[in-house]
Amino acid sequence: MAMSSVERQFYDEKYKQGEYAPAQSDEESGHREHLAAFVTAYGLQNKRCLEVGAGRGGLQNVVQNYIGLDIATSAKEYFSKPFLAGSASELPFEDNSFNGIWSIWVYEHVPDLEQALSELRRVIKPGGFLYLAPAWRCRSWYADGIPVRPYADLSLKNKLIKGSLPLRNSRMAQAVTLLPQRLSRRATYQASGKKPLSLRVKRLTPNYTTYWMPDSDAVNGIDPHEFILWFTSRGDICLSHPGFKDQLMGEKEGVVFQVRK
């Protein structure tokens, strides 16, 4: 399902108002340190790099040879480096165009997520590197702003959800639900003869009317383990989670891959 005109208008207006995406200043981006380490570790300082979902340009100076892409045309005014308006699901670049690609807080908002990941593999050069850090495991109640709204504003059902959030968000509860799911997916992969897996995400209903909180507009709830399985089942290397235990239990902010094709 492609992004509709309603969704595009939502992001365009939010960028115009300066209410959305990382700030322009590099120093204000919380991911700058992680990204700088990624660039240094894999020798990307002078290589051609792409940022998918570049927002308001907060990371455009991490490398010299940079191109930013975002769905919102209004984001262009924030860039001094090359910028294109376009979809993550239809990247406007030739095959094997980039040595490095990163994307931060983006793929939770992309309807055609598996197609978008396929586009990353298409435009990255063989042996190139990806740094991917969507907002992991967005929840259905974000659309109604349940974590940030007072109880008095909520329906009875939503009050019960809000009251249960400390338990739902606890490490124990997440371990009880996530570990069996991840083991099941591993078993599916093994049973398939290690064929490329389809991506499994939780579909969410985004709120494009009232932006209660970050990711009220999310369309995907993504487990990082799913990204790891999707790429590694295609022969890519997960550099941030190299071992079985790391992949099964790891919860790092971003996942890093070297693409083999």
C-alpha atoms as a PDB file:
ATOM      1  CA  MET A   1       0.000   0.000   0.000  1.00  0.00           C
ATOM      2  CA  ALA A   2       1.561   3.264  -1.146  1.00  0.00           C
ATOM      3  CA  MET A   3       1.512   6.483   0.838  1.00  0.00           C
ATOM      4  CA  SER A   4      -1.619   8.532   0.059  1.00  0.00           C
ATOM      5  CA  SER A   5      -1.972  12.241  -0.617  1.00  0.00           C
ATOM      6  CA  VAL A   6      -3.420  12.663   2.893  1.00  0.00           C
ATOM      7  CA  GLU A   7      -0.255  11.260   4.413  1.00  0.00           C
ATOM      8  CA  ARG A   8       2.028  13.322   2.189  1.00  0.00           C
ATOM      9  CA  GLN A   9       0.111  16.484   3.096  1.00  0.00           C
ATOM     10  CA  PHE A  10       0.410  15.651   6.808  1.00  0.00           C
ATOM     11  CA  TYR A  11       4.214  15.481   6.638  1.00  0.00           C
ATOM     12  CA  ASP A  12       4.534  18.460   4.343  1.00  0.00           C
ATOM     13  CA  GLU A  13       2.544  20.643   6.746  1.00  0.00           C
ATOM     14  CA  LYS A  14       4.376  19.396   9.826  1.00  0.00           C
ATOM     15  CA  TYR A  15       7.756  20.228   8.286  1.00  0.00           C
ATOM     16  CA  LYS A  16       6.561  23.688   7.249  1.00  0.00           C
ATOM     17  CA  GLN A  17       5.540  24.321  10.846  1.00  0.00           C
ATOM     18  CA  GLY A  18       8.866  23.024  12.176  1.00  0.00           C
ATOM     19  CA  GLU A  19       7.030  20.497  14.350  1.00  0.00           C
ATOM     20  CA  TYR A  20       8.408  17.268  12.950  1.00  0.00           C
ATOM     21  CA  ALA A  21      11.677  15.377  12.364  1.00  0.00           C
ATOM     22  CA  PRO A  22      15.144  16.012  13.850  1.00  0.00           C
ATOM     23  CA  ALA A  23      16.249  19.604  14.279  1.00  0.00           C
ATOM     24  CA  GLN A  24      18.581  21.209  11.757  1.00  0.00           C
ATOM     25  CA  SER A  25      21.519  21.480  14.144  1.00  0.00           C
ATOM     26  CA  ASP A  26      23.745  18.406  14.061  1.00  0.00           C
ATOM     27  CA  GLU A  27      24.370  18.718  17.788  1.00  0.00           C
ATOM     28  CA  GLU A  28      20.649  18.431  18.551  1.00  0.00           C
ATOM     29  CA  SER A  29      20.295  15.041  16.908  1.00  0.00           C
ATOM     30  CA  GLY A  30      20.521  12.223  19.458  1.00  0.00           C
ATOM     31  CA  HIS A  31      21.730   9.795  16.804  1.00  0.00           C
ATOM     32  CA  ARG A  32      24.698  11.849  15.632  1.00  0.00           C
ATOM     33  CA  GLU A  33      27.184  10.073  17.918  1.00  0.00           C
ATOM     34  CA  HIS A  34      25.999   6.603  16.834  1.00  0.00           C
ATOM     35  CA  LEU A  35      26.037   7.597  13.192  1.00  0.00           C
ATOM     36  CA  ALA A  36      29.498   9.158  13.405  1.00  0.00           C
ATOM     37  CA  ALA A  37      30.791   5.897  14.876  1.00  0.00           C
ATOM     38  CA  PHE A  38      29.134   3.971  12.025  1.00  0.00           C
ATOM     39  CA  VAL A  39      30.740   6.237   9.411  1.00  0.00           C
ATOM     40  CA  THR A  40      34.174   5.925  11.012  1.00  0.00           C
ATOM     41  CA  ALA A  41      33.978   2.172  11.580  1.00  0.00           C
ATOM     42  CA  TYR A  42      33.236   1.428   7.929  1.00  0.00           C
ATOM     43  CA  GLY A  43      35.325   4.130   6.266  1.00  0.00           C
ATOM     44  CA  LEU A  44      32.423   6.119   4.841  1.00  0.00           C
ATOM     45  CA  GLN A  45      33.770   9.624   5.504  1.00  0.00           C
ATOM     46  CA  ASN A  46      34.479  10.300   1.829  1.00  0.00           C
ATOM     47  CA  LYS A  47      32.093   7.769   0.309  1.00  0.00           C
ATOM     48  CA  ARG A  48      28.717   8.441  -1.312  1.00  0.00           C
ATOM     49  CA  CYS A  49      25.979   8.178   1.315  1.00  0.00           C
ATOM     50  CA  LEU A  50      22.191   8.465   1.360  1.00  0.00           C
ATOM     51  CA  GLU A  51      19.849   9.329   4.213  1.00  0.00           C
ATOM     52  CA  VAL A  52      16.314   7.976   3.757  1.00  0.00           C
ATOM     53  CA  GLY A  53      13.806  10.106   5.649  1.00  0.00           C
ATOM     54  CA  ALA A  54      16.224  12.986   6.114  1.00  0.00           C
ATOM     55  CA  GLY A  55      13.781  15.192   7.989  1.00  0.00           C
ATOM     56  CA  ARG A  56      15.030  18.729   8.528  1.00  0.00           C
ATOM     57  CA  GLY A  57      18.641  17.937   7.699  1.00  0.00           C
ATOM     58  CA  GLY A  58      20.088  17.396  11.159  1.00  0.00           C
ATOM     59  CA  LEU A  59      22.553  14.773   9.905  1.00  0.00           C
ATOM     60  CA  GLN A  60      23.527  16.158   6.503  1.00  0.00           C
ATOM     61  CA  ASN A  61      27.043  17.106   7.622  1.00  0.00           C
ATOM     62  CA  VAL A  62      28.034  13.709   9.007  1.00  0.00           C
ATOM     63  CA  VAL A  63      29.698  12.928   5.646  1.00  0.00           C
ATOM     64  CA  GLN A  64      30.852  15.154   2.815  1.00  0.00           C
ATOM     65  CA  ASN A  65      29.277  13.255  -0.105  1.00  0.00           C
ATOM     66  CA  TYR A  66      25.681  13.239   1.126  1.00  0.00           C
ATOM     67  CA  ILE A  67      22.225  13.048  -0.440  1.00  0.00           C
ATOM     68  CA  GLY A  68      19.060  13.428   1.619  1.00  0.00           C
ATOM     69  CA  LEU A  69      15.645  12.058   0.674  1.00  0.00           C
ATOM     70  CA  ASP A  70      12.318  12.720   2.356  1.00  0.00           C
ATOM     71  CA  ILE A  71       8.623  12.354   1.521  1.00  0.00           C
ATOM     72  CA  ALA A  72       7.967  16.016   2.387  1.00  0.00           C
ATOM     73  CA  THR A  73       8.880  18.493  -0.334  1.00  0.00           C
ATOM     74  CA  SER A  74       8.867  21.283   2.268  1.00  0.00           C
ATOM     75  CA  ALA A  75      11.955  19.734   3.907  1.00  0.00           C
ATOM     76  CA  LYS A  76      14.140  21.035   1.082  1.00  0.00           C
ATOM     77  CA  GLU A  77      14.519  24.497   2.616  1.00  0.00           C
ATOM     78  CA  TYR A  78      16.556  23.020   5.481  1.00  0.00           C
ATOM     79  CA  PHE A  79      19.277  21.551   3.249  1.00  0.00           C
ATOM     80  CA  SER A  80      22.536  23.001   2.006  1.00  0.00           C
ATOM     81  CA  LYS A  81      23.494  19.625   0.522  1.00  0.00           C
ATOM     82  CA  PRO A  82      21.685  17.692  -2.247  1.00  0.00           C
ATOM     83  CA  PHE A  83      18.098  16.780  -1.408  1.00  0.00           C
ATOM     84  CA  LEU A  84      15.344  14.951  -3.283  1.00  0.00           C
ATOM     85  CA  ALA A  85      11.678  14.592  -2.383  1.00  0.00           C
ATOM     86  CA  GLY A  86      10.619  10.999  -2.872  1.00  0.00           C
ATOM     87  CA  SER A  87       9.296   7.782  -1.398  1.00  0.00           C
ATOM     88  CA  ALA A  88      11.314   5.253   0.599  1.00  0.00           C
ATOM     89  CA  SER A  89       9.438   2.572  -1.366  1.00  0.00           C
ATOM     90  CA  GLU A  90      10.525   3.944  -4.740  1.00  0.00           C
ATOM     91  CA  LEU A  91      14.006   5.362  -4.348  1.00  0.00           C
ATOM     92  CA  PRO A  92      14.842   7.614  -7.342  1.00  0.00           C
ATOM     93  CA  PHE A  93      18.355   6.263  -7.789  1.00  0.00           C
ATOM     94  CA  GLU A  94      20.090   3.739 -10.023  1.00  0.00           C
ATOM     95  CA  ASP A  95      21.154   0.323  -8.795  1.00  0.00           C
ATOM     96  CA  ASN A  96      24.380   0.176  -6.767  1.00  0.00           C
ATOM     97  CA  SER A  97      24.530   3.953  -6.207  1.00  0.00           C
ATOM     98  CA  PHE A  98      25.710   4.268  -2.589  1.00  0.00           C
ATOM     99  CA  ASN A  99      28.435   2.978  -0.288  1.00  0.00           C
ATOM    100  CA  GLY A 100      26.436   3.759   2.845  1.00  0.00           C
ATOM    101  CA  ILE A 101      22.799   4.417   3.715  1.00  0.00           C
ATOM    102  CA  TRP A 102      21.171   5.343   6.984  1.00  0.00           C
ATOM    103  CA  SER A 103      17.619   5.890   8.116  1.00  0.00           C
ATOM    104  CA  ILE A 104      16.461   6.998  11.553  1.00  0.00           C
ATOM    105  CA  TRP A 105      12.880   7.073  12.896  1.00  0.00           C
ATOM    106  CA  VAL A 106      11.433   6.467   9.433  1.00  0.00           C
ATOM    107  CA  TYR A 107      10.383   2.900   8.613  1.00  0.00           C
ATOM    108  CA  GLU A 108       7.671   2.820  11.259  1.00  0.00           C
ATOM    109  CA  HIS A 109       5.899   5.324   8.953  1.00  0.00           C
ATOM    110  CA  VAL A 110       6.349   3.542   5.599  1.00  0.00           C
ATOM    111  CA  PRO A 111       3.305   1.559   4.398  1.00  0.00           C
ATOM    112  CA  ASP A 112       5.189  -0.569   1.833  1.00  0.00           C
ATOM    113  CA  LEU A 113       7.884  -1.552   4.301  1.00  0.00           C
ATOM    114  CA  GLU A 114       9.174  -4.730   2.657  1.00  0.00           C
ATOM    115  CA  GLN A 115       9.368  -2.955  -0.683  1.00  0.00           C
ATOM    116  CA  ALA A 116      11.301  -0.140   1.020  1.00  0.00           C
ATOM    117  CA  LEU A 117      13.858  -2.613   2.396  1.00  0.00           C
ATOM    118  CA  SER A 118      14.199  -4.169  -1.061  1.00  0.00           C
ATOM    119  CA  GLU A 119      14.886  -0.689  -2.428  1.00  0.00           C
ATOM    120  CA  LEU A 120      17.716  -0.263   0.088  1.00  0.00           C
ATOM    121  CA  ARG A 121      19.337  -3.452  -1.159  1.00  0.00           C
ATOM    122  CA  ARG A 122      18.876  -2.343  -4.751  1.00  0.00           C
ATOM    123  CA  VAL A 123      20.590   1.042  -4.459  1.00  0.00           C
ATOM    124  CA  ILE A 124      23.398   0.048  -2.076  1.00  0.00           C
ATOM    125  CA  LYS A 125      26.618  -1.162  -3.670  1.00  0.00           C
ATOM    126  CA  PRO A 126      27.704  -4.772  -3.076  1.00  0.00           C
ATOM    127  CA  GLY A 127      29.536  -4.759   0.246  1.00  0.00           C
ATOM    128  CA  GLY A 128      27.908  -1.460   1.257  1.00  0.00           C
ATOM    129  CA  PHE A 129      26.695  -0.648   4.771  1.00  0.00           C
ATOM    130  CA  LEU A 130      23.275   0.155   6.245  1.00  0.00           C
ATOM    131  CA  TYR A 131      22.451   1.798   9.581  1.00  0.00           C
ATOM    132  CA  LEU A 132      18.741   1.407  10.333  1.00  0.00           C
ATOM    133  CA  ALA A 133      17.084   2.762  13.458  1.00  0.00           C
ATOM    134  CA  PRO A 134      13.317   3.024  13.200  1.00  0.00           C
ATOM    135  CA  ALA A 135      11.276   3.528  16.353  1.00  0.00           C
ATOM    136  CA  TRP A 136      11.007  -0.119  17.328  1.00  0.00           C
ATOM    137  CA  ARG A 137       7.730  -1.708  18.439  1.00  0.00           C
ATOM    138  CA  CYS A 138       5.393   1.253  18.141  1.00  0.00           C
ATOM    139  CA  ARG A 139       2.080   0.508  19.859  1.00  0.00           C
ATOM    140  CA  SER A 140      -1.520   0.822  18.745  1.00  0.00           C
ATOM    141  CA  TRP A 141      -2.354   3.197  21.605  1.00  0.00           C
ATOM    142  CA  TYR A 142       0.093   5.839  20.373  1.00  0.00           C
ATOM    143  CA  ALA A 143      -2.500   6.954  17.816  1.00  0.00           C
ATOM    144  CA  ASP A 144      -4.802   8.070  20.648  1.00  0.00           C
ATOM    145  CA  GLY A 145      -1.985   9.575  22.702  1.00  0.00           C
ATOM    146  CA  ILE A 146      -2.891   7.389  25.670  1.00  0.00           C
ATOM    147  CA  PRO A 147       0.537   7.648  27.393  1.00  0.00           C
ATOM    148  CA  VAL A 148       0.474  11.467  27.409  1.00  0.00           C
ATOM    149  CA  ARG A 149      -3.199  12.349  27.871  1.00  0.00           C
ATOM    150  CA  PRO A 150      -4.812  12.701  31.320  1.00  0.00           C
ATOM    151  CA  TYR A 151      -7.195   9.996  32.501  1.00  0.00           C
ATOM    152  CA  ALA A 152     -10.087  12.472  32.450  1.00  0.00           C
ATOM    153  CA  ASP A 153      -9.824  12.736  28.644  1.00  0.00           C
ATOM    154  CA  LEU A 154      -9.948   8.991  28.025  1.00  0.00           C
ATOM    155  CA  SER A 155     -12.681   6.434  27.498  1.00  0.00           C
ATOM    156  CA  LEU A 156     -12.976   3.586  30.001  1.00  0.00           C
ATOM    157  CA  LYS A 157     -11.169   1.217  27.634  1.00  0.00           C
ATOM    158  CA  ASN A 158      -8.316   3.663  27.150  1.00  0.00           C
ATOM    159  CA  LYS A 159      -8.113   4.357  30.894  1.00  0.00           C
ATOM    160  CA  LEU A 160      -7.562   0.637  31.445  1.00  0.00           C
ATOM    161  CA  ILE A 161      -4.854   0.610  28.794  1.00  0.00           C
ATOM    162  CA  LYS A 162      -3.136   3.629  30.353  1.00  0.00           C
ATOM    163  CA  GLY A 163      -3.234   2.012  33.794  1.00  0.00           C
ATOM    164  CA  SER A 164      -1.634  -1.155  32.442  1.00  0.00           C
ATOM    165  CA  LEU A 165       1.227   0.573  30.604  1.00  0.00           C
ATOM    166  CA  PRO A 166       3.853   0.100  33.367  1.00  0.00           C
ATOM    167  CA  LEU A 167       3.236  -3.662  33.190  1.00  0.00           C
ATOM    168  CA  ARG A 168       3.033  -3.775  29.387  1.00  0.00           C
ATOM    169  CA  ASN A 169       6.285  -1.824  29.074  1.00  0.00           C
ATOM    170  CA  SER A 170       8.208  -3.803  31.693  1.00  0.00           C
ATOM    171  CA  ARG A 171      11.206  -5.867  30.661  1.00  0.00           C
ATOM    172  CA  MET A 172       9.592  -9.008  32.013  1.00  0.00           C
ATOM    173  CA  ALA A 173       6.416  -8.590  29.975  1.00  0.00           C
ATOM    174  CA  GLN A 174       8.367  -7.868  26.805  1.00  0.00           C
ATOM    175  CA  ALA A 175      10.605 -10.886  27.347  1.00  0.00           C
ATOM    176  CA  VAL A 176       7.625 -13.175  27.891  1.00  0.00           C
ATOM    177  CA  THR A 177       6.007 -12.087  24.626  1.00  0.00           C
ATOM    178  CA  LEU A 178       9.020 -11.397  22.411  1.00  0.00           C
ATOM    179  CA  LEU A 179      11.211 -14.418  23.034  1.00  0.00           C
ATOM    180  CA  PRO A 180       8.625 -17.046  21.963  1.00  0.00           C
ATOM    181  CA  GLN A 181       7.787 -14.986  18.871  1.00  0.00           C
ATOM    182  CA  ARG A 182      11.424 -14.695  17.895  1.00  0.00           C
ATOM    183  CA  LEU A 183      12.106 -18.388  18.462  1.00  0.00           C
ATOM    184  CA  SER A 184       9.073 -19.237  16.348  1.00  0.00           C
ATOM    185  CA  ARG A 185      10.339 -17.060  13.511  1.00  0.00           C
ATOM    186  CA  ARG A 186      13.754 -18.708  13.730  1.00  0.00           C
ATOM    187  CA  ALA A 187      12.101 -22.118  13.507  1.00  0.00           C
ATOM    188  CA  THR A 188      10.137 -20.978  10.454  1.00  0.00           C
ATOM    189  CA  TYR A 189      13.360 -19.850   8.805  1.00  0.00           C
ATOM    190  CA  GLN A 190      15.091 -23.151   9.506  1.00  0.00           C
ATOM    191  CA  ALA A 191      12.090 -25.172   8.308  1.00  0.00           C
ATOM    192  CA  SER A 192      12.057 -23.237   5.022  1.00  0.00           C
ATOM    193  CA  GLY A 193      15.541 -24.441   4.193  1.00  0.00           C
ATOM    194  CA  LYS A 194      16.858 -20.966   5.025  1.00  0.00           C
ATOM    195  CA  LYS A 195      15.055 -19.313   2.158  1.00  0.00           C
ATOM    196  CA  PRO A 196      14.525 -15.523   2.214  1.00  0.00           C
ATOM    197  CA  LEU A 197      11.806 -14.699   4.725  1.00  0.00           C
ATOM    198  CA  SER A 198       8.951 -12.279   4.182  1.00  0.00           C
ATOM    199  CA  LEU A 199       8.860  -9.405   6.638  1.00  0.00           C
ATOM    200  CA  ARG A 200       6.359  -9.631   9.489  1.00  0.00           C
ATOM    201  CA  VAL A 201       5.214  -6.406  11.176  1.00  0.00           C
ATOM    202  CA  LYS A 202       2.232  -5.331  13.234  1.00  0.00           C
ATOM    203  CA  ARG A 203       0.027  -3.006  11.193  1.00  0.00           C
ATOM    204  CA  LEU A 204      -1.138   0.096  13.046  1.00  0.00           C
ATOM    205  CA  THR A 205      -3.809   2.698  12.322  1.00  0.00           C
ATOM    206  CA  PRO A 206      -2.037   6.085  12.152  1.00  0.00           C
ATOM    207  CA  ASN A 207      -3.561   9.332  13.368  1.00  0.00           C
ATOM    208  CA  TYR A 208      -3.067  12.066  10.785  1.00  0.00           C
ATOM    209  CA  THR A 209      -5.590  14.372  12.452  1.00  0.00           C
ATOM    210  CA  THR A 210      -4.175  14.948  15.948  1.00  0.00           C
ATOM    211  CA  TYR A 211      -0.462  14.494  16.572  1.00  0.00           C
ATOM    212  CA  TRP A 212      -0.648  13.583  20.240  1.00  0.00           C
ATOM    213  CA  MET A 213       2.883  12.277  20.648  1.00  0.00           C
ATOM    214  CA  PRO A 214       5.821  10.878  18.657  1.00  0.00           C
ATOM    215  CA  ASP A 215       4.650   8.012  16.446  1.00  0.00           C
ATOM    216  CA  SER A 216       0.946   8.781  16.713  1.00  0.00           C
ATOM    217  CA  ASP A 217       1.306   8.566  12.932  1.00  0.00           C
ATOM    218  CA  ALA A 218       3.104   5.203  12.866  1.00  0.00           C
ATOM    219  CA  VAL A 219       1.805   2.515  10.516  1.00  0.00           C
ATOM    220  CA  ASN A 220       4.147  -0.299  11.605  1.00  0.00           C
ATOM    221  CA  GLY A 221       5.112  -1.932  14.857  1.00  0.00           C
ATOM    222  CA  ILE A 222       8.553  -3.387  14.053  1.00  0.00           C
ATOM    223  CA  ASP A 223      10.608  -5.872  16.040  1.00  0.00           C
ATOM    224  CA  PRO A 224      14.354  -5.385  15.335  1.00  0.00           C
ATOM    225  CA  HIS A 225      14.672  -9.167  15.159  1.00  0.00           C
ATOM    226  CA  GLU A 226      12.466  -9.086  12.051  1.00  0.00           C
ATOM    227  CA  PHE A 227      14.869  -6.706  10.311  1.00  0.00           C
ATOM    228  CA  ILE A 228      17.778  -8.952  11.272  1.00  0.00           C
ATOM    229  CA  LEU A 229      16.058 -12.059   9.919  1.00  0.00           C
ATOM    230  CA  TRP A 230      14.917 -10.331   6.731  1.00  0.00           C
ATOM    231  CA  PHE A 231      18.397  -9.166   5.763  1.00  0.00           C
ATOM    232  CA  THR A 232      20.400 -12.172   6.971  1.00  0.00           C
ATOM    233  CA  SER A 233      18.022 -14.594   5.231  1.00  0.00           C
ATOM    234  CA  ARG A 234      19.117 -12.859   2.007  1.00  0.00           C
ATOM    235  CA  GLY A 235      22.782 -13.418   2.749  1.00  0.00           C
ATOM    236  CA  ASP A 236      23.594 -10.060   4.349  1.00  0.00           C
ATOM    237  CA  ILE A 237      25.720  -9.763   7.491  1.00  0.00           C
ATOM    238  CA  CYS A 238      24.352  -8.185  10.676  1.00  0.00           C
ATOM    239  CA  LEU A 239      27.402  -6.403  12.069  1.00  0.00           C
ATOM    240  CA  SER A 240      25.687  -4.906  15.113  1.00  0.00           C
ATOM    241  CA  HIS A 241      24.329  -8.293  16.277  1.00  0.00           C
ATOM    242  CA  PRO A 242      26.909 -10.835  15.064  1.00  0.00           C
ATOM    243  CA  GLY A 243      25.968 -13.908  17.111  1.00  0.00           C
ATOM    244  CA  PHE A 244      22.818 -15.971  17.580  1.00  0.00           C
ATOM    245  CA  LYS A 245      22.312 -14.749  21.157  1.00  0.00           C
ATOM    246  CA  ASP A 246      22.875 -11.122  20.103  1.00  0.00           C
ATOM    247  CA  GLN A 247      20.252 -11.471  17.387  1.00  0.00           C
ATOM    248  CA  LEU A 248      17.748 -13.236  19.604  1.00  0.00           C
ATOM    249  CA  MET A 249      18.114 -10.986  22.649  1.00  0.00           C
ATOM    250  CA  GLY A 250      19.741  -7.777  21.408  1.00  0.00           C
ATOM    251  CA  GLU A 251      17.967  -4.448  21.740  1.00  0.00           C
ATOM    252  CA  LYS A 252      20.483  -1.963  20.340  1.00  0.00           C
ATOM    253  CA  GLU A 253      19.237   1.404  19.102  1.00  0.00           C
ATOM    254  CA  GLY A 254      20.235   0.770  15.492  1.00  0.00           C
ATOM    255  CA  VAL A 255      21.006  -2.331  13.445  1.00  0.00           C
ATOM    256  CA  VAL A 256      23.945  -2.354  11.039  1.00  0.00           C
ATOM    257  CA  PHE A 257      24.212  -4.575   7.967  1.00  0.00           C
ATOM    258  CA  GLN A 258      26.747  -5.227   5.259  1.00  0.00           C
ATOM    259  CA  VAL A 259      24.867  -6.124   2.104  1.00  0.00           C
ATOM    260  CA  ARG A 260      26.053  -9.141   0.115  1.00  0.00           C
ATOM    261  CA  LYS A 261      24.580  -9.440  -3.378  1.00  0.00           C
END
